[in-house]
């Protein structure tokens, strides 16, 4: 298992852009609080300069879920890839790494 500090350093060295994590929840969702807790715990290991967390409460803003094509809750979206349900920390990390690779390829092609 890799050291958390080593993983943090390697992601920070890739580039200075932050990765946007979008979390969709609702007031009536029984699983949303636990999903949000897992997401926050996972991204807190890296520090606030690596991620921006955007929480969208679809109870207050149902149009936002429709804009993103979200039909089930809880859903987390990173780099255009979404997962519904309570995410596993390992899966979140794979999504983050995928988003970093896509961002890097996009920057190189410009």
C-alpha atoms as a PDB file:
ATOM      1  CA  UNK A   1       0.000   0.000   0.000  1.00  0.00           C
ATOM      2  CA  UNK A   2       1.416   3.407  -0.931  1.00  0.00           C
ATOM      3  CA  UNK A   3       1.991   6.156   1.569  1.00  0.00           C
ATOM      4  CA  UNK A   4      -0.660   8.931   1.580  1.00  0.00           C
ATOM      5  CA  UNK A   5       1.976  11.658   1.593  1.00  0.00           C
ATOM      6  CA  UNK A   6       3.699  10.116  -1.430  1.00  0.00           C
ATOM      7  CA  UNK A   7       0.410   9.958  -3.331  1.00  0.00           C
ATOM      8  CA  UNK A   8      -0.335  13.565  -2.434  1.00  0.00           C
ATOM      9  CA  UNK A   9       3.057  14.741  -3.616  1.00  0.00           C
ATOM     10  CA  UNK A  10       2.844  12.868  -6.909  1.00  0.00           C
ATOM     11  CA  UNK A  11      -0.578  14.305  -7.732  1.00  0.00           C
ATOM     12  CA  UNK A  12       0.484  17.828  -6.789  1.00  0.00           C
ATOM     13  CA  UNK A  13       3.540  17.591  -9.022  1.00  0.00           C
ATOM     14  CA  UNK A  14       1.472  16.722 -12.115  1.00  0.00           C
ATOM     15  CA  UNK A  15       0.118  20.256 -12.477  1.00  0.00           C
ATOM     16  CA  UNK A  16      -1.341  23.035 -10.413  1.00  0.00           C
ATOM     17  CA  UNK A  17      -4.915  22.739 -11.693  1.00  0.00           C
ATOM     18  CA  UNK A  18      -7.472  21.468  -9.245  1.00  0.00           C
ATOM     19  CA  UNK A  19      -9.792  18.595 -10.013  1.00  0.00           C
ATOM     20  CA  UNK A  20     -13.489  19.325  -9.687  1.00  0.00           C
ATOM     21  CA  UNK A  21     -15.467  16.739  -7.762  1.00  0.00           C
ATOM     22  CA  UNK A  22     -19.222  17.201  -8.189  1.00  0.00           C
ATOM     23  CA  UNK A  23     -21.456  15.491  -5.660  1.00  0.00           C
ATOM     24  CA  UNK A  24     -25.216  15.238  -6.195  1.00  0.00           C
ATOM     25  CA  UNK A  25     -27.447  14.688  -3.173  1.00  0.00           C
ATOM     26  CA  UNK A  26     -30.942  15.396  -1.911  1.00  0.00           C
ATOM     27  CA  UNK A  27     -32.552  16.085   1.433  1.00  0.00           C
ATOM     28  CA  UNK A  28     -34.546  12.835   1.276  1.00  0.00           C
ATOM     29  CA  UNK A  29     -31.664  10.538   0.252  1.00  0.00           C
ATOM     30  CA  UNK A  30     -30.805   8.005   2.961  1.00  0.00           C
ATOM     31  CA  UNK A  31     -27.381   7.148   1.493  1.00  0.00           C
ATOM     32  CA  UNK A  32     -26.242  10.678   0.603  1.00  0.00           C
ATOM     33  CA  UNK A  33     -24.775  11.648   4.009  1.00  0.00           C
ATOM     34  CA  UNK A  34     -22.513   8.565   4.062  1.00  0.00           C
ATOM     35  CA  UNK A  35     -21.500   9.069   0.431  1.00  0.00           C
ATOM     36  CA  UNK A  36     -20.576  12.696   1.134  1.00  0.00           C
ATOM     37  CA  UNK A  37     -18.577  11.612   4.190  1.00  0.00           C
ATOM     38  CA  UNK A  38     -16.568   9.089   2.114  1.00  0.00           C
ATOM     39  CA  UNK A  39     -15.889  11.684  -0.591  1.00  0.00           C
ATOM     40  CA  UNK A  40     -14.786  14.357   1.889  1.00  0.00           C
ATOM     41  CA  UNK A  41     -12.542  11.925   3.811  1.00  0.00           C
ATOM     42  CA  UNK A  42     -10.914  10.723   0.587  1.00  0.00           C
ATOM     43  CA  UNK A  43     -10.170  14.146  -0.858  1.00  0.00           C
ATOM     44  CA  UNK A  44      -9.096  15.641   2.493  1.00  0.00           C
ATOM     45  CA  UNK A  45      -6.076  13.313   2.384  1.00  0.00           C
ATOM     46  CA  UNK A  46      -4.741  15.454  -0.463  1.00  0.00           C
ATOM     47  CA  UNK A  47      -5.493  18.960   0.742  1.00  0.00           C
ATOM     48  CA  UNK A  48      -7.725  21.705  -0.573  1.00  0.00           C
ATOM     49  CA  UNK A  49      -5.297  22.766  -3.315  1.00  0.00           C
ATOM     50  CA  UNK A  50      -5.824  19.507  -5.244  1.00  0.00           C
ATOM     51  CA  UNK A  51      -9.632  19.351  -5.332  1.00  0.00           C
ATOM     52  CA  UNK A  52     -12.650  21.573  -5.476  1.00  0.00           C
ATOM     53  CA  UNK A  53     -15.803  19.944  -4.147  1.00  0.00           C
ATOM     54  CA  UNK A  54     -19.050  21.175  -5.624  1.00  0.00           C
ATOM     55  CA  UNK A  55     -22.097  19.847  -3.773  1.00  0.00           C
ATOM     56  CA  UNK A  56     -25.390  20.074  -5.642  1.00  0.00           C
ATOM     57  CA  UNK A  57     -28.536  19.497  -3.619  1.00  0.00           C
ATOM     58  CA  UNK A  58     -31.112  18.450  -6.212  1.00  0.00           C
ATOM     59  CA  UNK A  59     -33.918  19.103  -3.722  1.00  0.00           C
ATOM     60  CA  UNK A  60     -33.020  22.788  -4.040  1.00  0.00           C
ATOM     61  CA  UNK A  61     -31.772  22.736  -7.647  1.00  0.00           C
ATOM     62  CA  UNK A  62     -33.415  19.937  -9.690  1.00  0.00           C
ATOM     63  CA  UNK A  63     -32.374  21.552 -12.979  1.00  0.00           C
ATOM     64  CA  UNK A  64     -28.702  20.944 -12.178  1.00  0.00           C
ATOM     65  CA  UNK A  65     -29.170  17.169 -12.058  1.00  0.00           C
ATOM     66  CA  UNK A  66     -30.962  17.306 -15.390  1.00  0.00           C
ATOM     67  CA  UNK A  67     -28.148  19.412 -16.897  1.00  0.00           C
ATOM     68  CA  UNK A  68     -25.583  16.793 -15.904  1.00  0.00           C
ATOM     69  CA  UNK A  69     -27.821  13.854 -16.800  1.00  0.00           C
ATOM     70  CA  UNK A  70     -28.048  12.577 -13.230  1.00  0.00           C
ATOM     71  CA  UNK A  71     -31.046  10.317 -12.561  1.00  0.00           C
ATOM     72  CA  UNK A  72     -30.095   8.553  -9.305  1.00  0.00           C
ATOM     73  CA  UNK A  73     -28.622   9.639  -5.980  1.00  0.00           C
ATOM     74  CA  UNK A  74     -26.102   9.827  -4.480  1.00  0.00           C
ATOM     75  CA  UNK A  75     -23.864  10.405  -7.496  1.00  0.00           C
ATOM     76  CA  UNK A  76     -20.288  11.657  -7.651  1.00  0.00           C
ATOM     77  CA  UNK A  77     -18.788  12.970 -10.887  1.00  0.00           C
ATOM     78  CA  UNK A  78     -15.070  13.428 -11.492  1.00  0.00           C
ATOM     79  CA  UNK A  79     -13.673  14.321 -14.888  1.00  0.00           C
ATOM     80  CA  UNK A  80     -16.969  13.621 -16.630  1.00  0.00           C
ATOM     81  CA  UNK A  81     -17.220  10.108 -15.156  1.00  0.00           C
ATOM     82  CA  UNK A  82     -20.005   9.478 -12.659  1.00  0.00           C
ATOM     83  CA  UNK A  83     -20.664   6.771 -10.094  1.00  0.00           C
ATOM     84  CA  UNK A  84     -23.933   6.284  -8.265  1.00  0.00           C
ATOM     85  CA  UNK A  85     -24.132   4.992  -4.702  1.00  0.00           C
ATOM     86  CA  UNK A  86     -21.698   5.167  -1.818  1.00  0.00           C
ATOM     87  CA  UNK A  87     -18.309   5.244  -3.551  1.00  0.00           C
ATOM     88  CA  UNK A  88     -15.357   3.167  -2.426  1.00  0.00           C
ATOM     89  CA  UNK A  89     -12.250   5.293  -1.730  1.00  0.00           C
ATOM     90  CA  UNK A  90     -10.216   3.178  -4.194  1.00  0.00           C
ATOM     91  CA  UNK A  91     -12.744   3.856  -6.941  1.00  0.00           C
ATOM     92  CA  UNK A  92     -12.616   7.587  -6.209  1.00  0.00           C
ATOM     93  CA  UNK A  93      -8.828   7.489  -6.533  1.00  0.00           C
ATOM     94  CA  UNK A  94      -9.072   5.726  -9.904  1.00  0.00           C
ATOM     95  CA  UNK A  95     -11.513   8.387 -11.073  1.00  0.00           C
ATOM     96  CA  UNK A  96      -9.138  11.120  -9.883  1.00  0.00           C
ATOM     97  CA  UNK A  97      -6.167   9.574 -11.658  1.00  0.00           C
ATOM     98  CA  UNK A  98      -8.240   9.208 -14.820  1.00  0.00           C
ATOM     99  CA  UNK A  99      -9.227  12.867 -14.622  1.00  0.00           C
ATOM    100  CA  UNK A 100      -5.565  13.864 -14.169  1.00  0.00           C
ATOM    101  CA  UNK A 101      -4.531  11.851 -17.235  1.00  0.00           C
ATOM    102  CA  UNK A 102      -7.294  13.399 -19.344  1.00  0.00           C
ATOM    103  CA  UNK A 103      -6.386  16.909 -18.173  1.00  0.00           C
ATOM    104  CA  UNK A 104      -2.720  16.315 -18.939  1.00  0.00           C
ATOM    105  CA  UNK A 105      -3.451  14.933 -22.441  1.00  0.00           C
ATOM    106  CA  UNK A 106      -5.756  17.881 -23.137  1.00  0.00           C
ATOM    107  CA  UNK A 107      -3.055  20.357 -22.075  1.00  0.00           C
ATOM    108  CA  UNK A 108      -0.428  18.635 -24.234  1.00  0.00           C
ATOM    109  CA  UNK A 109      -2.629  18.727 -27.344  1.00  0.00           C
ATOM    110  CA  UNK A 110      -3.263  22.479 -27.070  1.00  0.00           C
END
